[in-house]
N, C-alpha and C. Protein backbone atom coordinates (compact mmCIF):
# COMPACT_ATOMS: atom_id res chain seq x y z
N MET A 1 -2.58 -12.83 -6.39
CA MET A 1 -2.61 -12.91 -5.08
C MET A 1 -3.88 -13.28 -4.67
N ALA A 2 -5.30 -13.33 -5.14
CA ALA A 2 -6.25 -14.20 -4.92
C ALA A 2 -6.28 -15.79 -5.12
N GLU A 3 -5.19 -16.11 -5.69
CA GLU A 3 -5.28 -17.51 -5.67
C GLU A 3 -4.99 -17.99 -4.39
N VAL A 4 -4.33 -17.49 -3.74
CA VAL A 4 -3.46 -18.23 -2.61
C VAL A 4 -4.59 -17.49 -1.37
N PRO A 5 -4.73 -18.92 -0.44
CA PRO A 5 -5.36 -18.21 0.46
C PRO A 5 -4.63 -17.05 1.63
N ALA A 6 -5.71 -16.39 2.07
CA ALA A 6 -4.83 -15.62 3.13
C ALA A 6 -4.09 -16.12 3.84
N ALA A 7 -4.64 -17.29 4.73
CA ALA A 7 -4.10 -17.78 5.55
C ALA A 7 -2.67 -18.66 5.30
N GLU A 8 -2.31 -18.60 3.77
CA GLU A 8 -0.88 -18.77 3.33
C GLU A 8 -0.03 -17.95 2.94
N VAL A 9 -0.44 -16.73 2.74
CA VAL A 9 0.56 -15.66 2.54
C VAL A 9 1.46 -15.08 3.33
N PRO A 10 2.53 -15.16 3.38
CA PRO A 10 3.56 -14.67 4.30
C PRO A 10 3.62 -13.94 5.03
N GLN A 11 3.81 -13.53 6.38
CA GLN A 11 3.21 -12.20 7.18
C GLN A 11 4.13 -11.27 6.40
N ALA A 12 5.44 -11.13 5.94
CA ALA A 12 6.29 -10.26 5.40
C ALA A 12 5.43 -9.58 4.06
N GLU A 13 4.87 -10.56 3.34
CA GLU A 13 4.04 -9.79 2.08
C GLU A 13 2.87 -9.09 2.66
N LYS A 14 2.33 -9.73 4.08
CA LYS A 14 0.94 -9.17 4.73
C LYS A 14 1.29 -7.30 5.01
N ASP A 15 2.26 -7.66 5.62
CA ASP A 15 2.79 -6.51 6.32
C ASP A 15 2.83 -5.77 5.16
N GLU A 16 3.42 -5.67 4.35
CA GLU A 16 3.64 -4.84 2.92
C GLU A 16 2.50 -4.36 2.18
N LEU A 17 1.45 -5.24 2.02
CA LEU A 17 0.25 -5.01 1.44
C LEU A 17 -0.73 -4.28 2.29
N PHE A 18 -0.84 -4.40 3.71
CA PHE A 18 -1.43 -3.79 4.62
C PHE A 18 -0.89 -2.25 4.56
N CYS A 19 0.38 -1.66 4.45
CA CYS A 19 0.71 -0.59 4.86
C CYS A 19 0.58 0.21 3.12
N ALA A 20 0.97 -0.57 1.81
CA ALA A 20 0.20 -0.16 0.55
C ALA A 20 -1.09 0.59 0.34
N TYR A 21 -1.96 -0.72 0.92
CA TYR A 21 -3.20 -0.05 0.79
C TYR A 21 -3.55 0.94 1.55
N ALA A 22 -3.06 0.92 3.25
CA ALA A 22 -3.52 1.84 3.70
C ALA A 22 -2.78 3.09 3.02
N ALA A 23 -1.73 3.30 2.80
CA ALA A 23 -1.19 4.78 1.98
C ALA A 23 -1.66 4.99 0.96
N MET A 24 -2.61 4.23 0.20
CA MET A 24 -3.22 4.67 -0.63
C MET A 24 -4.93 5.33 -0.39
N ILE A 25 -4.95 4.90 0.53
CA ILE A 25 -6.27 5.28 1.19
C ILE A 25 -5.66 6.55 1.80
N LEU A 26 -4.91 6.96 2.36
CA LEU A 26 -4.55 8.00 3.24
C LEU A 26 -4.16 9.10 1.94
N GLN A 27 -3.33 8.84 0.86
CA GLN A 27 -3.34 9.55 -0.26
C GLN A 27 -4.60 10.20 -0.68
N ASP A 28 -5.36 8.98 -1.03
CA ASP A 28 -6.88 9.43 -1.41
C ASP A 28 -7.91 10.01 -0.76
N SER A 29 -7.42 10.02 0.57
CA SER A 29 -8.56 10.94 1.42
C SER A 29 -7.35 12.13 2.09
N GLU A 30 -5.82 12.41 1.03
CA GLU A 30 -5.52 13.66 1.49
C GLU A 30 -5.03 13.89 2.78
N LEU A 31 -4.74 12.44 3.64
CA LEU A 31 -4.02 12.72 4.78
C LEU A 31 -2.39 12.47 4.91
N GLU A 32 -1.95 12.74 5.60
CA GLU A 32 -0.36 12.39 5.69
C GLU A 32 -0.20 11.00 5.89
N ILE A 33 0.57 10.46 5.11
CA ILE A 33 1.37 8.78 5.25
C ILE A 33 1.92 9.15 6.49
N SER A 34 1.85 8.55 7.79
CA SER A 34 2.39 8.79 8.80
C SER A 34 2.50 7.26 9.28
N GLU A 35 3.08 6.97 10.22
CA GLU A 35 3.53 6.15 11.07
C GLU A 35 1.96 5.81 11.90
N ALA A 36 1.62 6.45 12.59
CA ALA A 36 0.34 6.86 13.28
C ALA A 36 -0.99 6.76 12.42
N ASN A 37 -0.90 7.35 11.53
CA ASN A 37 -2.28 7.26 10.51
C ASN A 37 -2.32 5.40 10.05
N LEU A 38 -0.44 5.12 9.52
CA LEU A 38 -0.68 4.15 9.17
C LEU A 38 -0.89 3.04 9.96
N ASN A 39 -0.90 2.82 10.87
CA ASN A 39 -1.38 1.95 12.24
C ASN A 39 -2.67 2.14 12.31
N THR A 40 -3.10 3.26 12.49
CA THR A 40 -4.57 3.49 12.48
C THR A 40 -5.34 2.75 11.76
N LEU A 41 -5.42 2.78 10.48
CA LEU A 41 -5.97 2.43 9.32
C LEU A 41 -5.64 0.98 9.47
N ILE A 42 -4.59 0.37 9.76
CA ILE A 42 -4.18 -1.09 9.56
C ILE A 42 -5.10 -1.63 11.00
N LYS A 43 -5.02 -1.15 12.02
CA LYS A 43 -5.59 -1.54 13.35
C LYS A 43 -7.22 -2.07 12.84
N ALA A 44 -7.57 -0.65 12.33
CA ALA A 44 -9.38 -0.38 11.87
C ALA A 44 -9.92 -1.81 10.80
N ALA A 45 -8.78 -2.04 10.07
CA ALA A 45 -9.02 -3.41 9.26
C ALA A 45 -8.69 -4.34 10.14
N GLY A 46 -8.38 -4.40 11.11
CA GLY A 46 -8.66 -5.71 12.00
C GLY A 46 -7.08 -6.52 11.75
N GLY A 47 -6.14 -5.60 11.26
CA GLY A 47 -4.66 -6.16 10.90
C GLY A 47 -4.33 -5.92 12.19
N SER A 48 -2.63 -6.89 11.57
CA SER A 48 -1.89 -6.96 12.30
C SER A 48 -0.09 -7.38 12.42
N ILE A 49 0.82 -6.12 12.42
CA ILE A 49 2.01 -5.89 11.66
C ILE A 49 2.92 -5.81 12.56
N ASP A 50 4.14 -6.26 12.16
CA ASP A 50 5.40 -5.93 13.04
C ASP A 50 5.52 -4.44 13.05
N ALA A 51 5.82 -3.86 14.08
CA ALA A 51 5.79 -2.42 14.90
C ALA A 51 6.48 -2.27 13.68
N PHE A 52 8.07 -2.32 13.19
CA PHE A 52 8.91 -1.37 12.63
C PHE A 52 8.29 -1.18 11.00
N PHE A 53 7.58 -2.04 10.68
CA PHE A 53 7.14 -1.88 9.15
C PHE A 53 6.23 -0.42 8.84
N PRO A 54 5.36 0.06 9.68
CA PRO A 54 4.72 1.34 9.25
C PRO A 54 5.61 2.38 9.22
N THR A 55 6.63 2.42 10.54
CA THR A 55 7.47 3.74 9.99
C THR A 55 8.67 3.63 9.11
N LEU A 56 8.84 2.44 8.68
CA LEU A 56 9.66 1.88 7.42
C LEU A 56 9.08 2.72 6.47
N PHE A 57 7.71 2.22 5.83
CA PHE A 57 6.88 2.37 5.19
C PHE A 57 6.79 4.05 4.97
N ALA A 58 6.40 5.08 6.11
CA ALA A 58 6.25 6.29 6.23
C ALA A 58 7.80 6.81 5.55
N LYS A 59 8.75 6.45 6.22
CA LYS A 59 9.94 7.03 5.83
C LYS A 59 10.28 7.00 4.49
N MET A 60 9.72 5.95 3.94
CA MET A 60 10.06 5.68 2.33
C MET A 60 9.14 6.65 1.33
N CYS A 61 8.00 6.55 1.93
CA CYS A 61 6.71 7.69 1.33
C CYS A 61 7.37 9.26 1.58
N GLN A 62 7.91 9.38 2.20
CA GLN A 62 8.42 11.17 2.44
C GLN A 62 8.85 11.23 1.11
N GLY A 63 8.35 12.30 0.27
CA GLY A 63 9.13 12.85 -0.91
C GLY A 63 8.90 12.26 -1.64
N THR A 64 8.25 11.21 -1.90
CA THR A 64 7.96 10.40 -2.82
C THR A 64 6.28 10.96 -3.81
N ASP A 65 6.35 11.09 -5.08
CA ASP A 65 4.76 11.20 -5.47
C ASP A 65 4.32 10.67 -5.58
N ILE A 66 3.38 9.84 -4.65
CA ILE A 66 2.57 9.11 -4.36
C ILE A 66 1.38 9.11 -5.15
N GLU A 67 0.71 10.25 -5.60
CA GLU A 67 -0.34 10.25 -6.25
C GLU A 67 -0.04 10.52 -8.19
N GLY A 68 1.20 10.36 -8.38
CA GLY A 68 1.64 10.30 -9.54
C GLY A 68 1.82 8.84 -10.01
N MET A 69 2.15 8.05 -8.86
CA MET A 69 2.20 6.66 -9.03
C MET A 69 0.71 6.04 -9.36
N LEU A 70 -0.29 6.63 -8.58
CA LEU A 70 -1.61 6.48 -8.42
C LEU A 70 -2.43 6.57 -9.47
N LYS A 71 -1.99 7.41 -10.33
CA LYS A 71 -2.72 7.59 -11.50
C LYS A 71 -2.56 6.31 -12.94
N PHE A 72 -4.04 6.33 -13.18
CA PHE A 72 -3.83 5.21 -14.02
C PHE A 72 -4.12 5.63 -15.35
N GLY A 73 -3.93 4.74 -16.76
CA GLY A 73 -4.21 5.55 -18.02
C GLY A 73 -3.12 5.59 -18.67
N GLY A 74 -3.14 6.36 -19.70
CA GLY A 74 -2.45 7.17 -20.83
C GLY A 74 -1.45 6.29 -21.22
N GLY A 75 -1.29 4.84 -20.77
CA GLY A 75 -0.08 4.12 -21.39
C GLY A 75 -0.50 3.09 -22.47
N GLY A 76 -1.45 3.18 -22.96
CA GLY A 76 -1.65 1.89 -23.99
C GLY A 76 -0.88 0.73 -24.36
N GLY A 77 -1.45 -0.13 -24.34
CA GLY A 77 -0.89 -1.32 -24.74
C GLY A 77 -0.39 -1.76 -26.46
N GLY A 78 0.58 -2.36 -26.87
CA GLY A 78 0.99 -2.47 -27.65
C GLY A 78 -0.09 -2.96 -29.05
N GLY A 79 0.35 -2.64 -30.05
CA GLY A 79 -0.62 -3.10 -31.51
C GLY A 79 -0.75 -4.41 -31.52
N GLY A 80 -1.91 -5.24 -32.18
CA GLY A 80 -1.50 -6.86 -32.41
C GLY A 80 -0.92 -6.70 -33.59
N GLY A 81 0.08 -7.85 -33.69
CA GLY A 81 0.65 -8.27 -34.83
C GLY A 81 0.25 -8.59 -36.05
N GLY A 82 0.24 -8.30 -37.10
CA GLY A 82 -0.09 -8.39 -38.18
C GLY A 82 -0.01 -9.85 -38.78
């Protein structure tokens, strides 16, 4: 992602990234991942996305273990070949 200038990232990918980052912030802040909260964070960050995307993303997150998906570690990599 860092290798592509922001101006060259397709709008659909920007929409997805805005929602994903906003959802992580809301989860970390122990706030509901709702359409309103997603829109508030995205607008506060200076973002602009298609209106349907936060609704879709909030519905997708309902009943999903977001916290579990955000936990890192524990998975160790493969050992070096001898």
